[in-house]
PDB file of all heavy atoms in Angstrom:
ATOM      1  N   SER A   1      28.996 149.638 141.230  1.00  0.00           N
ATOM      2  CA  SER A   1      29.324 149.641 142.657  1.00  0.00           C
ATOM      3  C   SER A   1      29.680 148.231 143.067  1.00  0.00           C
ATOM      4  O   SER A   1      29.001 147.275 142.675  1.00  0.00           O
ATOM      5  CB  SER A   1      28.126 150.116 143.485  1.00  0.00           C
ATOM      6  OG  SER A   1      27.796 151.444 143.146  1.00  0.00           O
ATOM      7  N   TYR A   2      30.731 148.100 143.854  1.00  0.00           N
ATOM      8  CA  TYR A   2      31.118 146.777 144.316  1.00  0.00           C
ATOM      9  C   TYR A   2      31.954 146.879 145.575  1.00  0.00           C
ATOM     10  O   TYR A   2      32.388 147.956 145.966  1.00  0.00           O
ATOM     11  CB  TYR A   2      31.858 145.992 143.228  1.00  0.00           C
ATOM     12  CG  TYR A   2      32.902 146.759 142.474  1.00  0.00           C
ATOM     13  CD1 TYR A   2      34.239 146.684 142.812  1.00  0.00           C
ATOM     14  CD2 TYR A   2      32.552 147.572 141.398  1.00  0.00           C
ATOM     15  CE1 TYR A   2      35.198 147.394 142.116  1.00  0.00           C
ATOM     16  CE2 TYR A   2      33.509 148.286 140.700  1.00  0.00           C
ATOM     17  CZ  TYR A   2      34.824 148.193 141.058  1.00  0.00           C
ATOM     18  OH  TYR A   2      35.760 148.904 140.368  1.00  0.00           O
ATOM     19  N   GLN A   3      32.145 145.743 146.201  1.00  0.00           N
ATOM     20  CA  GLN A   3      32.917 145.630 147.431  1.00  0.00           C
ATOM     21  C   GLN A   3      34.135 144.749 147.158  1.00  0.00           C
ATOM     22  O   GLN A   3      33.981 143.602 146.762  1.00  0.00           O
ATOM     23  CB  GLN A   3      32.086 144.957 148.535  1.00  0.00           C
ATOM     24  CG  GLN A   3      30.807 145.643 148.893  1.00  0.00           C
ATOM     25  CD  GLN A   3      31.001 146.751 149.905  1.00  0.00           C
ATOM     26  OE1 GLN A   3      31.999 146.805 150.602  1.00  0.00           O
ATOM     27  NE2 GLN A   3      30.044 147.652 149.978  1.00  0.00           N
ATOM     28  N   PHE A   4      35.312 145.287 147.360  1.00  0.00           N
ATOM     29  CA  PHE A   4      36.521 144.473 147.297  1.00  0.00           C
ATOM     30  C   PHE A   4      36.769 143.896 148.682  1.00  0.00           C
ATOM     31  O   PHE A   4      36.629 144.600 149.676  1.00  0.00           O
ATOM     32  CB  PHE A   4      37.740 145.321 146.937  1.00  0.00           C
ATOM     33  CG  PHE A   4      37.973 145.501 145.484  1.00  0.00           C
ATOM     34  CD1 PHE A   4      38.120 146.769 144.966  1.00  0.00           C
ATOM     35  CD2 PHE A   4      38.087 144.423 144.630  1.00  0.00           C
ATOM     36  CE1 PHE A   4      38.371 146.962 143.621  1.00  0.00           C
ATOM     37  CE2 PHE A   4      38.326 144.600 143.283  1.00  0.00           C
ATOM     38  CZ  PHE A   4      38.466 145.875 142.779  1.00  0.00           C
ATOM     39  N   LYS A   5      37.161 142.655 148.745  1.00  0.00           N
ATOM     40  CA  LYS A   5      37.643 142.073 149.995  1.00  0.00           C
ATOM     41  C   LYS A   5      39.145 142.280 150.008  1.00  0.00           C
ATOM     42  O   LYS A   5      39.857 141.818 149.117  1.00  0.00           O
ATOM     43  CB  LYS A   5      37.325 140.575 150.075  1.00  0.00           C
ATOM     44  CG  LYS A   5      35.925 140.267 150.520  1.00  0.00           C
ATOM     45  CD  LYS A   5      35.768 140.563 151.993  1.00  0.00           C
ATOM     46  CE  LYS A   5      34.465 139.981 152.499  1.00  0.00           C
ATOM     47  NZ  LYS A   5      34.113 140.485 153.804  1.00  0.00           N
ATOM     48  N   VAL A   6      39.624 143.018 151.001  1.00  0.00           N
ATOM     49  CA  VAL A   6      41.045 143.340 151.095  1.00  0.00           C
ATOM     50  C   VAL A   6      41.536 143.112 152.523  1.00  0.00           C
ATOM     51  O   VAL A   6      40.732 143.063 153.465  1.00  0.00           O
ATOM     52  CB  VAL A   6      41.309 144.809 150.684  1.00  0.00           C
ATOM     53  CG1 VAL A   6      40.922 145.061 149.237  1.00  0.00           C
ATOM     54  CG2 VAL A   6      40.600 145.779 151.609  1.00  0.00           C
ATOM     55  N   PRO A   7      42.844 143.003 152.717  1.00  0.00           N
ATOM     56  CA  PRO A   7      43.385 142.927 154.075  1.00  0.00           C
ATOM     57  C   PRO A   7      43.174 144.263 154.798  1.00  0.00           C
ATOM     58  O   PRO A   7      43.294 145.324 154.194  1.00  0.00           O
ATOM     59  CB  PRO A   7      44.874 142.675 153.855  1.00  0.00           C
ATOM     60  CG  PRO A   7      45.003 142.212 152.446  1.00  0.00           C
ATOM     61  CD  PRO A   7      43.871 142.825 151.695  1.00  0.00           C
ATOM     62  N   LYS A   8      42.863 144.205 156.079  1.00  0.00           N
ATOM     63  CA  LYS A   8      42.643 145.433 156.851  1.00  0.00           C
ATOM     64  C   LYS A   8      43.933 146.227 157.037  1.00  0.00           C
ATOM     65  O   LYS A   8      43.917 147.444 157.080  1.00  0.00           O
ATOM     66  CB  LYS A   8      42.026 145.114 158.208  1.00  0.00           C
ATOM     67  CG  LYS A   8      41.829 146.350 159.062  1.00  0.00           C
ATOM     68  CD  LYS A   8      40.748 146.168 160.069  1.00  0.00           C
ATOM     69  CE  LYS A   8      40.498 147.417 160.873  1.00  0.00           C
ATOM     70  NZ  LYS A   8      39.975 148.531 160.119  1.00  0.00           N
ATOM     71  N   ASN A   9      45.070 145.551 157.143  1.00  0.00           N
ATOM     72  CA  ASN A   9      46.340 146.224 157.390  1.00  0.00           C
ATOM     73  C   ASN A   9      47.483 145.433 156.758  1.00  0.00           C
ATOM     74  O   ASN A   9      47.262 144.382 156.153  1.00  0.00           O
ATOM     75  CB  ASN A   9      46.556 146.416 158.899  1.00  0.00           C
ATOM     76  CG  ASN A   9      46.392 145.112 159.662  1.00  0.00           C
ATOM     77  OD1 ASN A   9      46.851 144.058 159.221  1.00  0.00           O
ATOM     78  ND2 ASN A   9      45.730 145.177 160.811  1.00  0.00           N
ATOM     79  N   LEU A  10      48.693 145.937 156.905  1.00  0.00           N
ATOM     80  CA  LEU A  10      49.845 145.307 156.277  1.00  0.00           C
ATOM     81  C   LEU A  10      50.154 143.932 156.871  1.00  0.00           C
ATOM     82  O   LEU A  10      50.625 143.040 156.160  1.00  0.00           O
ATOM     83  CB  LEU A  10      51.071 146.214 156.377  1.00  0.00           C
ATOM     84  CG  LEU A  10      51.000 147.505 155.561  1.00  0.00           C
ATOM     85  CD1 LEU A  10      52.238 148.372 155.814  1.00  0.00           C
ATOM     86  CD2 LEU A  10      50.870 147.204 154.079  1.00  0.00           C
ATOM     87  N   GLU A  11      49.902 143.755 158.156  1.00  0.00           N
ATOM     88  CA  GLU A  11      50.136 142.454 158.799  1.00  0.00           C
ATOM     89  C   GLU A  11      49.242 141.383 158.164  1.00  0.00           C
ATOM     90  O   GLU A  11      49.704 140.295 157.810  1.00  0.00           O
ATOM     91  CB  GLU A  11      49.858 142.556 160.298  1.00  0.00           C
ATOM     92  CG  GLU A  11      50.037 141.244 161.037  1.00  0.00           C
ATOM     93  CD  GLU A  11      49.670 141.384 162.505  1.00  0.00           C
ATOM     94  OE1 GLU A  11      50.176 142.311 163.160  1.00  0.00           O
ATOM     95  OE2 GLU A  11      48.860 140.562 162.978  1.00  0.00           O
ATOM     96  N   LYS A  12      47.965 141.695 157.998  1.00  0.00           N
ATOM     97  CA  LYS A  12      47.046 140.730 157.379  1.00  0.00           C
ATOM     98  C   LYS A  12      47.368 140.542 155.899  1.00  0.00           C
ATOM     99  O   LYS A  12      47.211 139.455 155.355  1.00  0.00           O
ATOM    100  CB  LYS A  12      45.606 141.166 157.579  1.00  0.00           C
ATOM    101  CG  LYS A  12      45.181 141.034 159.027  1.00  0.00           C
ATOM    102  CD  LYS A  12      43.729 141.310 159.239  1.00  0.00           C
ATOM    103  CE  LYS A  12      43.383 141.081 160.709  1.00  0.00           C
ATOM    104  NZ  LYS A  12      41.970 141.222 160.965  1.00  0.00           N
ATOM    105  N   ARG A  13      47.834 141.593 155.268  1.00  0.00           N
ATOM    106  CA  ARG A  13      48.237 141.482 153.867  1.00  0.00           C
ATOM    107  C   ARG A  13      49.389 140.491 153.714  1.00  0.00           C
ATOM    108  O   ARG A  13      49.399 139.668 152.801  1.00  0.00           O
ATOM    109  CB  ARG A  13      48.631 142.857 153.347  1.00  0.00           C
ATOM    110  CG  ARG A  13      49.091 142.857 151.917  1.00  0.00           C
ATOM    111  CD  ARG A  13      49.386 144.270 151.488  1.00  0.00           C
ATOM    112  NE  ARG A  13      50.056 144.274 150.212  1.00  0.00           N
ATOM    113  CZ  ARG A  13      50.516 145.352 149.640  1.00  0.00           C
ATOM    114  NH1 ARG A  13      50.354 146.523 150.208  1.00  0.00           N
ATOM    115  NH2 ARG A  13      51.120 145.285 148.489  1.00  0.00           N
ATOM    116  N   ALA A  14      50.377 140.581 154.609  1.00  0.00           N
ATOM    117  CA  ALA A  14      51.521 139.670 154.565  1.00  0.00           C
ATOM    118  C   ALA A  14      51.086 138.218 154.750  1.00  0.00           C
ATOM    119  O   ALA A  14      51.691 137.310 154.192  1.00  0.00           O
ATOM    120  CB  ALA A  14      52.544 140.063 155.631  1.00  0.00           C
ATOM    121  N   ARG A  15      50.013 138.010 155.518  1.00  0.00           N
ATOM    122  CA  ARG A  15      49.509 136.643 155.762  1.00  0.00           C
ATOM    123  C   ARG A  15      48.468 136.219 154.723  1.00  0.00           C
ATOM    124  O   ARG A  15      47.979 135.102 154.770  1.00  0.00           O
ATOM    125  CB  ARG A  15      48.919 136.563 157.166  1.00  0.00           C
ATOM    126  CG  ARG A  15      49.968 136.804 158.239  1.00  0.00           C
ATOM    127  CD  ARG A  15      49.506 136.551 159.647  1.00  0.00           C
ATOM    128  NE  ARG A  15      48.083 136.666 159.837  1.00  0.00           N
ATOM    129  CZ  ARG A  15      47.489 137.084 160.943  1.00  0.00           C
ATOM    130  NH1 ARG A  15      48.218 137.443 161.975  1.00  0.00           N
ATOM    131  NH2 ARG A  15      46.191 137.160 161.032  1.00  0.00           N
ATOM    132  N   GLY A  16      48.109 137.127 153.816  1.00  0.00           N
ATOM    133  CA  GLY A  16      47.153 136.783 152.764  1.00  0.00           C
ATOM    134  C   GLY A  16      45.709 136.747 153.234  1.00  0.00           C
ATOM    135  O   GLY A  16      44.869 136.114 152.604  1.00  0.00           O
ATOM    136  N   ILE A  17      45.404 137.453 154.321  1.00  0.00           N
ATOM    137  CA  ILE A  17      44.047 137.462 154.869  1.00  0.00           C
ATOM    138  C   ILE A  17      43.274 138.650 154.302  1.00  0.00           C
ATOM    139  O   ILE A  17      43.650 139.807 154.509  1.00  0.00           O
ATOM    140  CB  ILE A  17      44.070 137.534 156.412  1.00  0.00           C
ATOM    141  CG1 ILE A  17      44.797 136.323 156.981  1.00  0.00           C
ATOM    142  CG2 ILE A  17      42.660 137.668 156.973  1.00  0.00           C
ATOM    143  CD1 ILE A  17      45.073 136.418 158.467  1.00  0.00           C
ATOM    144  N   LYS A  18      42.188 138.387 153.600  1.00  0.00           N
ATOM    145  CA  LYS A  18      41.326 139.432 153.047  1.00  0.00           C
ATOM    146  C   LYS A  18      40.026 139.411 153.841  1.00  0.00           C
ATOM    147  O   LYS A  18      39.141 138.625 153.568  1.00  0.00           O
ATOM    148  CB  LYS A  18      41.075 139.184 151.562  1.00  0.00           C
ATOM    149  CG  LYS A  18      42.340 139.262 150.733  1.00  0.00           C
ATOM    150  CD  LYS A  18      42.082 138.962 149.288  1.00  0.00           C
ATOM    151  CE  LYS A  18      43.386 139.011 148.511  1.00  0.00           C
ATOM    152  NZ  LYS A  18      43.191 138.677 147.110  1.00  0.00           N
ATOM    153  N   ASP A  19      39.923 140.304 154.833  1.00  0.00           N
ATOM    154  CA  ASP A  19      38.811 140.243 155.780  1.00  0.00           C
ATOM    155  C   ASP A  19      37.976 141.518 155.870  1.00  0.00           C
ATOM    156  O   ASP A  19      37.064 141.604 156.676  1.00  0.00           O
ATOM    157  CB  ASP A  19      39.367 139.916 157.169  1.00  0.00           C
ATOM    158  CG  ASP A  19      40.344 140.981 157.672  1.00  0.00           C
ATOM    159  OD1 ASP A  19      40.824 141.799 156.858  1.00  0.00           O
ATOM    160  OD2 ASP A  19      40.630 140.991 158.886  1.00  0.00           O
ATOM    161  N   THR A  20      38.268 142.514 155.044  1.00  0.00           N
ATOM    162  CA  THR A  20      37.593 143.801 155.169  1.00  0.00           C
ATOM    163  C   THR A  20      37.016 144.231 153.829  1.00  0.00           C
ATOM    164  O   THR A  20      37.665 144.104 152.791  1.00  0.00           O
ATOM    165  CB  THR A  20      38.593 144.873 155.669  1.00  0.00           C
ATOM    166  OG1 THR A  20      39.202 144.411 156.873  1.00  0.00           O
ATOM    167  CG2 THR A  20      37.902 146.194 155.930  1.00  0.00           C
ATOM    168  N   ASP A  21      35.781 144.754 153.858  1.00  0.00           N
ATOM    169  CA  ASP A  21      35.150 145.263 152.639  1.00  0.00           C
ATOM    170  C   ASP A  21      35.688 146.654 152.321  1.00  0.00           C
ATOM    171  O   ASP A  21      35.816 147.501 153.203  1.00  0.00           O
ATOM    172  CB  ASP A  21      33.631 145.362 152.808  1.00  0.00           C
ATOM    173  CG  ASP A  21      32.968 144.005 152.788  1.00  0.00           C
ATOM    174  OD1 ASP A  21      33.493 143.089 152.119  1.00  0.00           O
ATOM    175  OD2 ASP A  21      31.916 143.846 153.431  1.00  0.00           O
ATOM    176  N   LEU A  22      36.000 146.879 151.051  1.00  0.00           N
ATOM    177  CA  LEU A  22      36.427 148.187 150.563  1.00  0.00           C
ATOM    178  C   LEU A  22      35.430 148.619 149.497  1.00  0.00           C
ATOM    179  O   LEU A  22      35.454 148.125 148.380  1.00  0.00           O
ATOM    180  CB  LEU A  22      37.841 148.112 149.982  1.00  0.00           C
ATOM    181  CG  LEU A  22      38.429 149.408 149.451  1.00  0.00           C
ATOM    182  CD1 LEU A  22      38.587 150.437 150.568  1.00  0.00           C
ATOM    183  CD2 LEU A  22      39.770 149.149 148.793  1.00  0.00           C
ATOM    184  N   PRO A  23      34.489 149.519 149.846  1.00  0.00           N
ATOM    185  CA  PRO A  23      33.462 149.949 148.884  1.00  0.00           C
ATOM    186  C   PRO A  23      34.050 150.810 147.772  1.00  0.00           C
ATOM    187  O   PRO A  23      34.795 151.755 148.020  1.00  0.00           O
ATOM    188  CB  PRO A  23      32.485 150.769 149.728  1.00  0.00           C
ATOM    189  CG  PRO A  23      32.828 150.477 151.154  1.00  0.00           C
ATOM    190  CD  PRO A  23      34.268 150.095 151.173  1.00  0.00           C
ATOM    191  N   ILE A  24      33.705 150.471 146.533  1.00  0.00           N
ATOM    192  CA  ILE A  24      34.176 151.174 145.331  1.00  0.00           C
ATOM    193  C   ILE A  24      32.966 151.550 144.481  1.00  0.00           C
ATOM    194  O   ILE A  24      32.036 150.762 144.353  1.00  0.00           O
ATOM    195  CB  ILE A  24      35.078 150.262 144.474  1.00  0.00           C
ATOM    196  CG1 ILE A  24      36.217 149.653 145.285  1.00  0.00           C
ATOM    197  CG2 ILE A  24      35.582 150.970 143.239  1.00  0.00           C
ATOM    198  CD1 ILE A  24      37.308 150.591 145.637  1.00  0.00           C
ATOM    199  N   GLN A  25      33.003 152.739 143.903  1.00  0.00           N
ATOM    200  CA  GLN A  25      31.976 153.127 142.940  1.00  0.00           C
ATOM    201  C   GLN A  25      32.664 153.794 141.744  1.00  0.00           C
ATOM    202  O   GLN A  25      33.462 154.713 141.903  1.00  0.00           O
ATOM    203  CB  GLN A  25      30.974 154.097 143.549  1.00  0.00           C
ATOM    204  CG  GLN A  25      29.838 154.430 142.593  1.00  0.00           C
ATOM    205  CD  GLN A  25      28.854 155.392 143.222  1.00  0.00           C
ATOM    206  OE1 GLN A  25      29.177 156.547 143.433  1.00  0.00           O
ATOM    207  NE2 GLN A  25      27.667 154.901 143.511  1.00  0.00           N
ATOM    208  N   LEU A  26      32.364 153.286 140.554  1.00  0.00           N
ATOM    209  CA  LEU A  26      32.906 153.841 139.322  1.00  0.00           C
ATOM    210  C   LEU A  26      31.748 154.307 138.466  1.00  0.00           C
ATOM    211  O   LEU A  26      30.839 153.546 138.166  1.00  0.00           O
ATOM    212  CB  LEU A  26      33.720 152.788 138.566  1.00  0.00           C
ATOM    213  CG  LEU A  26      34.209 153.199 137.179  1.00  0.00           C
ATOM    214  CD1 LEU A  26      35.227 154.335 137.272  1.00  0.00           C
ATOM    215  CD2 LEU A  26      34.805 152.008 136.449  1.00  0.00           C
ATOM    216  N   SER A  27      31.773 155.582 138.085  1.00  0.00           N
ATOM    217  CA  SER A  27      30.766 156.142 137.184  1.00  0.00           C
ATOM    218  C   SER A  27      31.448 156.450 135.852  1.00  0.00           C
ATOM    219  O   SER A  27      32.546 157.018 135.823  1.00  0.00           O
ATOM    220  CB  SER A  27      30.175 157.434 137.745  1.00  0.00           C
ATOM    221  OG  SER A  27      29.577 157.193 138.996  1.00  0.00           O
ATOM    222  N   VAL A  28      30.789 156.079 134.763  1.00  0.00           N
ATOM    223  CA  VAL A  28      31.284 156.363 133.419  1.00  0.00           C
ATOM    224  C   VAL A  28      30.231 157.229 132.739  1.00  0.00           C
ATOM    225  O   VAL A  28      29.060 156.865 132.685  1.00  0.00           O
ATOM    226  CB  VAL A  28      31.517 155.069 132.610  1.00  0.00           C
ATOM    227  CG1 VAL A  28      32.072 155.394 131.228  1.00  0.00           C
ATOM    228  CG2 VAL A  28      32.451 154.129 133.362  1.00  0.00           C
ATOM    229  N   VAL A  29      30.657 158.395 132.234  1.00  0.00           N
ATOM    230  CA  VAL A  29      29.721 159.353 131.645  1.00  0.00           C
ATOM    231  C   VAL A  29      30.114 159.617 130.192  1.00  0.00           C
ATOM    232  O   VAL A  29      31.260 159.979 129.903  1.00  0.00           O
ATOM    233  CB  VAL A  29      29.721 160.684 132.434  1.00  0.00           C
ATOM    234  CG1 VAL A  29      28.773 161.682 131.795  1.00  0.00           C
ATOM    235  CG2 VAL A  29      29.379 160.447 133.893  1.00  0.00           C
ATOM    236  N   LEU A  30      29.162 159.424 129.294  1.00  0.00           N
ATOM    237  CA  LEU A  30      29.333 159.764 127.883  1.00  0.00           C
ATOM    238  C   LEU A  30      28.403 160.920 127.569  1.00  0.00           C
ATOM    239  O   LEU A  30      27.213 160.865 127.862  1.00  0.00           O
ATOM    240  CB  LEU A  30      28.980 158.569 126.995  1.00  0.00           C
ATOM    241  CG  LEU A  30      29.743 157.277 127.234  1.00  0.00           C
ATOM    242  CD1 LEU A  30      29.182 156.159 126.374  1.00  0.00           C
ATOM    243  CD2 LEU A  30      31.221 157.484 126.958  1.00  0.00           C
ATOM    244  N   LYS A  31      28.952 161.979 126.986  1.00  0.00           N
ATOM    245  CA  LYS A  31      28.143 163.140 126.627  1.00  0.00           C
ATOM    246  C   LYS A  31      28.030 163.234 125.116  1.00  0.00           C
ATOM    247  O   LYS A  31      29.014 163.014 124.406  1.00  0.00           O
ATOM    248  CB  LYS A  31      28.753 164.413 127.203  1.00  0.00           C
ATOM    249  CG  LYS A  31      28.721 164.450 128.719  1.00  0.00           C
ATOM    250  CD  LYS A  31      29.300 165.730 129.254  1.00  0.00           C
ATOM    251  CE  LYS A  31      29.229 165.730 130.775  1.00  0.00           C
ATOM    252  NZ  LYS A  31      29.916 166.881 131.351  1.00  0.00           N
ATOM    253  N   SER A  32      26.854 163.596 124.647  1.00  0.00           N
ATOM    254  CA  SER A  32      26.592 163.715 123.219  1.00  0.00           C
ATOM    255  C   SER A  32      27.591 164.656 122.549  1.00  0.00           C
ATOM    256  O   SER A  32      27.860 165.747 123.050  1.00  0.00           O
ATOM    257  CB  SER A  32      25.160 164.215 123.003  1.00  0.00           C
ATOM    258  OG  SER A  32      24.901 164.381 121.640  1.00  0.00           O
ATOM    259  N   LYS A  33      28.184 164.208 121.462  1.00  0.00           N
ATOM    260  CA  LYS A  33      29.102 164.996 120.631  1.00  0.00           C
ATOM    261  C   LYS A  33      30.394 165.389 121.347  1.00  0.00           C
ATOM    262  O   LYS A  33      31.060 166.335 120.944  1.00  0.00           O
ATOM    263  CB  LYS A  33      28.396 166.237 120.082  1.00  0.00           C
ATOM    264  CG  LYS A  33      27.214 165.911 119.199  1.00  0.00           C
ATOM    265  CD  LYS A  33      26.557 167.155 118.679  1.00  0.00           C
ATOM    266  CE  LYS A  33      25.316 166.779 117.864  1.00  0.00           C
ATOM    267  NZ  LYS A  33      24.583 167.923 117.407  1.00  0.00           N
ATOM    268  N   SER A  34      30.745 164.692 122.390  1.00  0.00           N
ATOM    269  CA  SER A  34      31.994 164.971 123.092  1.00  0.00           C
ATOM    270  C   SER A  34      32.960 163.809 122.907  1.00  0.00           C
ATOM    271  O   SER A  34      32.565 162.651 123.051  1.00  0.00           O
ATOM    272  CB  SER A  34      31.732 165.175 124.590  1.00  0.00           C
ATOM    273  OG  SER A  34      32.968 165.309 125.274  1.00  0.00           O
ATOM    274  N   PRO A  35      34.230 164.077 122.620  1.00  0.00           N
ATOM    275  CA  PRO A  35      35.206 162.996 122.484  1.00  0.00           C
ATOM    276  C   PRO A  35      35.743 162.517 123.840  1.00  0.00           C
ATOM    277  O   PRO A  35      36.573 161.623 123.896  1.00  0.00           O
ATOM    278  CB  PRO A  35      36.327 163.654 121.664  1.00  0.00           C
ATOM    279  CG  PRO A  35      36.275 165.080 122.089  1.00  0.00           C
ATOM    280  CD  PRO A  35      34.809 165.379 122.304  1.00  0.00           C
ATOM    281  N   ILE A  36      35.255 163.108 124.911  1.00  0.00           N
ATOM    282  CA  ILE A  36      35.764 162.800 126.255  1.00  0.00           C
ATOM    283  C   ILE A  36      34.868 161.784 126.951  1.00  0.00           C
ATOM    284  O   ILE A  36      33.645 161.923 126.971  1.00  0.00           O
ATOM    285  CB  ILE A  36      35.860 164.086 127.099  1.00  0.00           C
ATOM    286  CG1 ILE A  36      36.869 165.042 126.455  1.00  0.00           C
ATOM    287  CG2 ILE A  36      36.242 163.770 128.535  1.00  0.00           C
ATOM    288  CD1 ILE A  36      36.909 166.407 127.094  1.00  0.00           C
ATOM    289  N   ILE A  37      35.488 160.767 127.526  1.00  0.00           N
ATOM    290  CA  ILE A  37      34.787 159.814 128.384  1.00  0.00           C
ATOM    291  C   ILE A  37      35.167 160.177 129.812  1.00  0.00           C
ATOM    292  O   ILE A  37      36.350 160.217 130.155  1.00  0.00           O
ATOM    293  CB  ILE A  37      35.211 158.360 128.081  1.00  0.00           C
ATOM    294  CG1 ILE A  37      34.949 158.019 126.616  1.00  0.00           C
ATOM    295  CG2 ILE A  37      34.472 157.395 129.009  1.00  0.00           C
ATOM    296  CD1 ILE A  37      35.543 156.699 126.181  1.00  0.00           C
ATOM    297  N   GLU A  38      34.177 160.473 130.628  1.00  0.00           N
ATOM    298  CA  GLU A  38      34.439 160.890 132.003  1.00  0.00           C
ATOM    299  C   GLU A  38      34.313 159.687 132.932  1.00  0.00           C
ATOM    300  O   GLU A  38      33.351 158.926 132.852  1.00  0.00           O
ATOM    301  CB  GLU A  38      33.460 161.975 132.424  1.00  0.00           C
ATOM    302  CG  GLU A  38      33.606 163.250 131.622  1.00  0.00           C
ATOM    303  CD  GLU A  38      32.601 164.316 132.010  1.00  0.00           C
ATOM    304  OE1 GLU A  38      31.993 164.224 133.096  1.00  0.00           O
ATOM    305  OE2 GLU A  38      32.415 165.258 131.218  1.00  0.00           O
ATOM    306  N   PHE A  39      35.308 159.535 133.802  1.00  0.00           N
ATOM    307  CA  PHE A  39      35.306 158.481 134.809  1.00  0.00           C
ATOM    308  C   PHE A  39      35.352 159.145 136.176  1.00  0.00           C
ATOM    309  O   PHE A  39      36.153 160.056 136.403  1.00  0.00           O
ATOM    310  CB  PHE A  39      36.543 157.583 134.679  1.00  0.00           C
ATOM    311  CG  PHE A  39      36.585 156.776 133.420  1.00  0.00           C
ATOM    312  CD1 PHE A  39      37.156 157.287 132.272  1.00  0.00           C
ATOM    313  CD2 PHE A  39      36.066 155.494 133.396  1.00  0.00           C
ATOM    314  CE1 PHE A  39      37.213 156.542 131.103  1.00  0.00           C
ATOM    315  CE2 PHE A  39      36.119 154.739 132.247  1.00  0.00           C
ATOM    316  CZ  PHE A  39      36.693 155.259 131.098  1.00  0.00           C
TER     317      PHE A  39
END
């Protein structure tokens, strides 16, 4: 889990302002005897 600092909108993006938190969560699941990695 982490927070990206990103521009709130396109105007702030054009000015290079990163002022808003964007919460992200990535889960990685490995199952016994399965060739599949679940994200």
